[in-house]
Amino acid sequence: MSANERREDILWILTTRGKEIARQLAHELGVTERTIRNDITLLTATYPIETIRGNGGGIKLQDGYNPNSFRLSREQEAAIIQAEDKVEEPHRKTLQNMLIAYRSPANYERR
């Protein structure tokens, strides 16, 4: 995985989870916490990322910011859900990630 791919993964994780700690990001991405801190420093030049120290702290995107402002229509979501049953891994996981990243908040209760 390249550094740019890792940084895209960090953004995706922060977007989908809301907040994460550096130790967990390092573990998931197979790098050191120092590498994650360096990535966060670089990402903050472009994205509104906040770091919170102490108990309950972590790394998060500023409230209200979503780099994936594009949202799926109900018809697009239905097509992805239907396609999930017809594809094999890793494509099924990719479709699930698309739903997580681009699902409209109004459609969350549908699944």
Protein backbone atom coordinates (compact mmCIF):
# COMPACT_ATOMS: atom_id res chain seq x y z
CA MET A 1 0.00 0.00 0.00
CA SER A 2 1.36 3.41 -0.93
CA ALA A 3 1.38 6.39 1.42
CA ASN A 4 -1.39 8.05 -0.61
CA GLU A 5 -3.56 4.92 -0.45
CA ARG A 6 -3.00 4.72 3.30
CA ARG A 7 -4.04 8.37 3.71
CA GLU A 8 -7.18 7.74 1.65
CA ASP A 9 -7.92 4.80 3.96
CA ILE A 10 -7.46 7.03 7.00
CA LEU A 11 -9.97 9.54 5.57
CA TRP A 12 -12.42 6.75 4.78
CA ILE A 13 -12.12 5.35 8.31
CA LEU A 14 -12.63 8.77 9.90
CA THR A 15 -15.62 9.43 7.64
CA THR A 16 -17.32 6.14 8.43
CA ARG A 17 -16.46 5.80 12.12
CA GLY A 18 -16.47 9.43 13.17
CA LYS A 19 -13.42 9.10 15.42
CA GLU A 20 -10.52 6.70 15.85
CA ILE A 21 -7.31 6.48 17.86
CA ALA A 22 -3.84 6.44 16.28
CA ARG A 23 -2.99 3.04 17.80
CA GLN A 24 -5.98 1.39 16.11
CA LEU A 25 -5.28 3.08 12.77
CA ALA A 26 -1.65 1.92 12.95
CA HIS A 27 -2.71 -1.63 13.73
CA GLU A 28 -5.28 -1.79 10.92
CA LEU A 29 -3.01 -0.22 8.32
CA GLY A 30 0.12 -2.12 9.33
CA VAL A 31 2.29 0.89 10.17
CA THR A 32 3.63 2.58 13.30
CA GLU A 33 1.76 5.19 15.32
CA ARG A 34 4.49 7.64 14.27
CA THR A 35 3.60 7.03 10.61
CA ILE A 36 -0.08 7.68 11.41
CA ARG A 37 0.81 10.92 13.21
CA ASN A 38 2.88 12.01 10.18
CA ASP A 39 -0.02 11.15 7.87
CA ILE A 40 -2.44 13.14 10.03
CA THR A 41 -0.09 16.12 9.98
CA LEU A 42 -0.03 16.01 6.17
CA LEU A 43 -3.79 15.45 5.89
CA THR A 44 -4.57 18.45 8.13
CA ALA A 45 -3.08 20.72 5.45
CA THR A 46 -5.99 19.77 3.17
CA TYR A 47 -8.77 18.39 5.40
CA PRO A 48 -10.34 19.72 8.62
CA ILE A 49 -9.01 17.03 10.93
CA GLU A 50 -8.99 17.47 14.69
CA THR A 51 -6.90 15.59 17.23
CA ILE A 52 -8.10 15.37 20.80
CA ARG A 53 -5.66 14.39 23.56
CA GLY A 54 -6.45 12.48 26.70
CA ASN A 55 -9.03 9.96 27.79
CA GLY A 56 -11.78 9.78 25.19
CA GLY A 57 -9.60 11.55 22.66
CA GLY A 58 -8.69 10.54 19.17
CA ILE A 59 -8.60 11.74 15.59
CA LYS A 60 -11.73 12.96 13.84
CA LEU A 61 -13.01 15.12 11.02
CA GLN A 62 -14.58 18.40 12.10
CA ASP A 63 -18.28 18.14 12.80
CA GLY A 64 -20.36 18.59 9.69
CA TYR A 65 -17.53 17.87 7.25
CA ASN A 66 -17.90 14.92 4.91
CA PRO A 67 -15.49 14.50 1.99
CA ASN A 68 -18.06 12.17 0.43
CA SER A 69 -20.79 14.73 -0.04
CA PHE A 70 -22.12 12.70 -2.95
CA ARG A 71 -25.06 10.59 -1.85
CA LEU A 72 -26.74 7.62 -3.47
CA SER A 73 -30.39 7.75 -4.49
CA ARG A 74 -32.73 5.03 -3.20
CA GLU A 75 -32.62 3.39 -6.63
CA GLN A 76 -28.79 3.38 -6.65
CA GLU A 77 -28.71 1.87 -3.15
CA ALA A 78 -31.20 -0.81 -4.18
CA ALA A 79 -29.05 -1.70 -7.20
CA ILE A 80 -25.94 -2.03 -5.02
CA ILE A 81 -27.78 -4.15 -2.44
CA GLN A 82 -29.06 -6.43 -5.19
CA ALA A 83 -25.60 -6.69 -6.76
CA GLU A 84 -24.01 -7.65 -3.40
CA ASP A 85 -25.63 -11.08 -3.61
CA LYS A 86 -24.27 -11.71 -7.09
CA VAL A 87 -20.58 -10.90 -6.69
CA GLU A 88 -17.73 -12.61 -4.90
CA GLU A 89 -15.25 -11.19 -2.43
CA PRO A 90 -13.49 -8.72 -2.55
CA HIS A 91 -16.10 -7.03 -4.77
CA ARG A 92 -18.87 -7.65 -2.21
CA LYS A 93 -16.82 -5.81 0.43
CA THR A 94 -16.25 -2.94 -2.03
CA LEU A 95 -20.01 -2.63 -2.59
CA GLN A 96 -20.64 -2.67 1.16
CA ASN A 97 -18.03 0.06 1.64
CA MET A 98 -19.73 2.14 -1.08
CA LEU A 99 -23.01 1.89 0.81
CA ILE A 100 -21.34 2.96 4.05
CA ALA A 101 -19.53 5.88 2.44
CA TYR A 102 -22.29 7.19 0.18
CA ARG A 103 -25.59 6.18 1.77
CA SER A 104 -27.92 9.07 2.37
CA PRO A 105 -28.62 9.58 6.10
CA ALA A 106 -32.34 9.45 5.29
CA ASN A 107 -31.90 5.88 4.04
CA TYR A 108 -30.02 4.39 7.03
CA GLU A 109 -33.06 2.67 8.50
CA ARG A 110 -33.73 0.80 5.26
CA ARG A 111 -31.16 -1.92 5.85
